[in-house]
């Protein structure tokens, strides 16, 4: 039954050695093996996790053994992902592992599953991006692509500043200057670290 499951299934022994995985696990991880004669899974399976997530994955595995408690974690395999619309990325999974303990509380075996959540993660990222853009459009000055020249010259005494900033920083910067202090004067805020500042002093 485990071989036919739509999710990745794995079993480990008391030492943490993975002794069984199904075909879905091989497909999600891209670990070499699978098919009728499965290649044993060694400790190098972590190499198939995206570098940025390797520490998180190994820490969760160690925590399960140290505290003898179930763990669940989201991480990315290096396996390429592509949906029906042609969107691409890496494979996101949620992995859960459950220790089976004896009467003395010692771990005997580990049962776990790995579920592909790449479609959901892509939808979440897309929704977050759309929400951010919607908020920016409501700010004074509206929405402009990241890195675009602000197109406005801010004057404060002897300084004239042209600012190039990313989308979010630019929108917040413009909004704050537009509001101005109670006196009605509209000072130029301190520039973000990645802004380009040009100062012209009076002769």
Protein backbone atom coordinates (compact mmCIF):
# COMPACT_ATOMS: atom_id res chain seq x y z
CA UNK A 1 0.00 0.00 0.00
CA UNK A 2 2.85 2.38 0.82
CA UNK A 3 4.18 2.00 -2.74
CA UNK A 4 0.85 3.23 -4.13
CA UNK A 5 0.48 6.19 -1.75
CA UNK A 6 0.36 9.63 -3.44
CA UNK A 7 2.68 11.02 -0.76
CA UNK A 8 6.24 10.11 0.08
CA UNK A 9 6.51 7.54 2.87
CA UNK A 10 9.64 6.66 4.83
CA UNK A 11 10.56 4.42 7.76
CA UNK A 12 13.66 4.76 9.90
CA UNK A 13 15.23 2.63 12.63
CA UNK A 14 16.22 3.57 16.16
CA UNK A 15 19.58 4.92 14.98
CA UNK A 16 18.00 7.28 12.46
CA UNK A 17 18.93 5.21 9.41
CA UNK A 18 16.18 5.31 6.79
CA UNK A 19 15.34 1.71 5.98
CA UNK A 20 12.43 2.15 3.58
CA UNK A 21 11.03 4.82 1.23
CA UNK A 22 8.33 4.50 -1.44
CA UNK A 23 8.46 5.61 -5.07
CA UNK A 24 6.75 8.93 -4.30
CA UNK A 25 9.58 9.81 -1.88
CA UNK A 26 12.16 9.09 -4.62
CA UNK A 27 10.19 11.22 -7.09
CA UNK A 28 9.87 14.22 -4.73
CA UNK A 29 13.48 14.16 -3.54
CA UNK A 30 15.16 13.13 -6.83
CA UNK A 31 17.32 10.80 -4.75
CA UNK A 32 18.76 8.16 -7.11
CA UNK A 33 16.99 4.83 -6.77
CA UNK A 34 13.41 3.75 -6.85
CA UNK A 35 11.78 1.24 -9.13
CA UNK A 36 11.55 -2.50 -8.44
CA UNK A 37 15.01 -2.67 -6.84
CA UNK A 38 15.25 0.29 -4.47
CA UNK A 39 18.68 1.64 -3.71
CA UNK A 40 19.21 2.04 0.06
CA UNK A 41 18.86 5.61 1.32
CA UNK A 42 22.03 6.83 3.02
CA UNK A 43 22.62 9.89 5.15
CA UNK A 44 23.42 11.87 2.01
CA UNK A 45 19.68 12.32 1.32
CA UNK A 46 20.07 15.75 2.93
CA UNK A 47 22.21 16.80 -0.05
CA UNK A 48 19.04 16.75 -2.14
CA UNK A 49 17.44 19.41 0.06
CA UNK A 50 17.93 23.02 -1.05
CA UNK A 51 21.04 24.44 0.65
CA UNK A 52 19.11 27.19 2.46
CA UNK A 53 16.85 24.56 4.09
CA UNK A 54 19.39 21.88 4.98
CA UNK A 55 20.10 23.18 8.49
CA UNK A 56 16.38 23.52 9.22
CA UNK A 57 15.69 19.96 8.05
CA UNK A 58 18.59 18.38 9.93
CA UNK A 59 17.75 20.33 13.11
CA UNK A 60 14.14 19.08 13.04
CA UNK A 61 15.36 15.49 12.59
CA UNK A 62 17.78 15.85 15.51
CA UNK A 63 15.09 17.46 17.68
CA UNK A 64 12.78 14.49 17.13
CA UNK A 65 15.44 12.08 18.39
CA UNK A 66 16.56 14.26 21.27
CA UNK A 67 13.06 14.99 22.60
CA UNK A 68 11.37 11.84 21.27
CA UNK A 69 8.47 13.86 19.91
CA UNK A 70 6.79 14.15 16.48
CA UNK A 71 8.03 16.93 14.21
CA UNK A 72 6.60 18.61 11.14
CA UNK A 73 8.50 21.00 8.90
CA UNK A 74 8.25 22.69 5.50
CA UNK A 75 11.33 22.71 3.30
CA UNK A 76 12.41 22.58 -0.34
CA UNK A 77 13.96 19.78 -2.32
CA UNK A 78 16.16 20.72 -5.28
CA UNK A 79 13.81 18.78 -7.54
CA UNK A 80 12.45 21.09 -10.29
CA UNK A 81 8.73 21.85 -10.10
CA UNK A 82 6.40 22.95 -12.90
CA UNK A 83 2.64 23.41 -12.88
CA UNK A 84 0.09 23.12 -15.70
CA UNK A 85 0.40 26.84 -16.46
CA UNK A 86 4.14 26.59 -16.99
CA UNK A 87 5.19 28.22 -13.70
CA UNK A 88 8.46 26.76 -12.43
CA UNK A 89 10.47 26.54 -9.23
CA UNK A 90 11.75 23.96 -6.78
CA UNK A 91 9.67 21.36 -4.94
CA UNK A 92 8.16 22.46 -1.63
CA UNK A 93 7.17 19.70 0.81
CA UNK A 94 5.80 19.35 4.29
CA UNK A 95 7.51 16.47 6.08
CA UNK A 96 6.18 14.85 9.24
CA UNK A 97 7.97 12.24 11.34
CA UNK A 98 6.55 10.25 14.24
CA UNK A 99 8.69 8.19 16.66
CA UNK A 100 7.32 4.83 17.76
CA UNK A 101 8.44 4.17 21.34
CA UNK A 102 8.62 1.08 23.52
CA UNK A 103 7.32 0.75 27.08
CA UNK A 104 10.39 2.53 28.46
CA UNK A 105 10.00 5.50 26.12
CA UNK A 106 12.88 4.56 23.84
CA UNK A 107 12.51 5.06 20.11
CA UNK A 108 12.07 1.85 18.16
CA UNK A 109 11.15 3.09 14.72
CA UNK A 110 10.32 6.27 12.86
CA UNK A 111 7.34 6.60 10.53
CA UNK A 112 7.12 9.61 8.29
CA UNK A 113 5.50 11.20 5.28
CA UNK A 114 6.47 13.86 2.74
CA UNK A 115 3.69 15.76 0.94
CA UNK A 116 4.17 17.96 -2.13
CA UNK A 117 2.85 21.49 -1.37
CA UNK A 118 4.52 23.30 -4.29
CA UNK A 119 1.22 24.46 -5.83
CA UNK A 120 0.01 25.89 -2.51
CA UNK A 121 3.30 27.68 -1.84
CA UNK A 122 3.31 29.24 -5.30
CA UNK A 123 -0.27 30.45 -4.77
CA UNK A 124 0.67 31.91 -1.36
CA UNK A 125 3.66 33.79 -2.79
CA UNK A 126 1.59 35.10 -5.70
CA UNK A 127 -1.21 36.25 -3.39
CA UNK A 128 1.24 38.01 -1.08
CA UNK A 129 2.82 39.82 -4.05
CA UNK A 130 -0.57 40.97 -5.31
CA UNK A 131 -1.59 42.23 -1.87
CA UNK A 132 1.66 44.22 -1.53
CA UNK A 133 1.15 45.78 -4.96
CA UNK A 134 -2.46 46.67 -4.10
CA UNK A 135 -1.35 48.44 -0.91
CA UNK A 136 1.40 50.34 -2.74
CA UNK A 137 -1.06 51.57 -5.39
CA UNK A 138 -3.14 53.21 -2.67
CA UNK A 139 -0.17 55.22 -1.38
CA UNK A 140 0.50 58.77 -2.67
CA UNK A 141 2.37 58.59 -5.95
CA UNK A 142 0.87 55.20 -6.81
CA UNK A 143 2.80 52.18 -8.01
CA UNK A 144 6.02 52.27 -10.02
CA UNK A 145 8.26 49.32 -10.95
CA UNK A 146 11.14 48.54 -8.61
CA UNK A 147 14.27 50.56 -9.29
CA UNK A 148 12.48 53.15 -11.44
CA UNK A 149 13.54 56.78 -11.00
CA UNK A 150 11.06 58.52 -8.75
CA UNK A 151 10.71 61.34 -11.25
CA UNK A 152 10.32 63.98 -8.56
CA UNK A 153 12.82 66.45 -7.24
CA UNK A 154 12.58 67.10 -3.51
CA UNK A 155 13.81 70.50 -2.37
CA UNK A 156 14.84 71.41 1.15
CA UNK A 157 16.93 74.56 1.54
CA UNK A 158 20.06 74.10 -0.53
CA UNK A 159 19.66 70.39 -1.30
CA UNK A 160 18.12 68.83 -4.38
CA UNK A 161 17.75 65.07 -4.18
CA UNK A 162 16.88 62.52 -6.88
CA UNK A 163 16.13 59.15 -5.37
CA UNK A 164 16.24 55.69 -6.92
CA UNK A 165 14.71 53.16 -4.52
CA UNK A 166 12.97 49.78 -4.66
CA UNK A 167 9.19 49.72 -4.94
CA UNK A 168 8.21 49.45 -1.27
CA UNK A 169 10.82 51.89 -0.01
CA UNK A 170 9.95 54.36 -2.74
CA UNK A 171 6.25 54.28 -1.94
CA UNK A 172 6.75 54.76 1.79
CA UNK A 173 9.31 57.52 1.15
CA UNK A 174 6.91 59.39 -1.16
CA UNK A 175 3.99 58.95 1.22
CA UNK A 176 5.89 60.36 4.20
CA UNK A 177 7.12 63.38 2.24
CA UNK A 178 3.66 64.02 0.85
CA UNK A 179 2.11 64.11 4.32
CA UNK A 180 4.71 66.53 5.70
CA UNK A 181 4.85 67.99 9.25
CA UNK A 182 2.11 70.22 10.76
CA UNK A 183 3.94 73.36 9.63
CA UNK A 184 3.20 72.47 6.04
CA UNK A 185 6.87 72.20 5.10
CA UNK A 186 7.71 68.97 3.28
CA UNK A 187 11.22 67.90 4.24
CA UNK A 188 13.13 65.18 2.49
CA UNK A 189 13.48 62.11 4.68
CA UNK A 190 16.82 60.42 5.28
CA UNK A 191 17.53 58.31 2.23
CA UNK A 192 17.44 54.49 2.32
CA UNK A 193 20.80 52.77 2.27
CA UNK A 194 20.46 51.86 -1.42
CA UNK A 195 19.28 55.28 -2.57
CA UNK A 196 21.32 57.51 -4.88
CA UNK A 197 21.75 60.97 -3.38
CA UNK A 198 22.87 64.00 -5.40
CA UNK A 199 23.54 67.18 -3.39
CA UNK A 200 23.94 70.63 -4.99
CA UNK A 201 25.31 73.33 -2.78
CA UNK A 202 24.63 77.00 -3.52
CA UNK A 203 27.61 78.86 -4.98
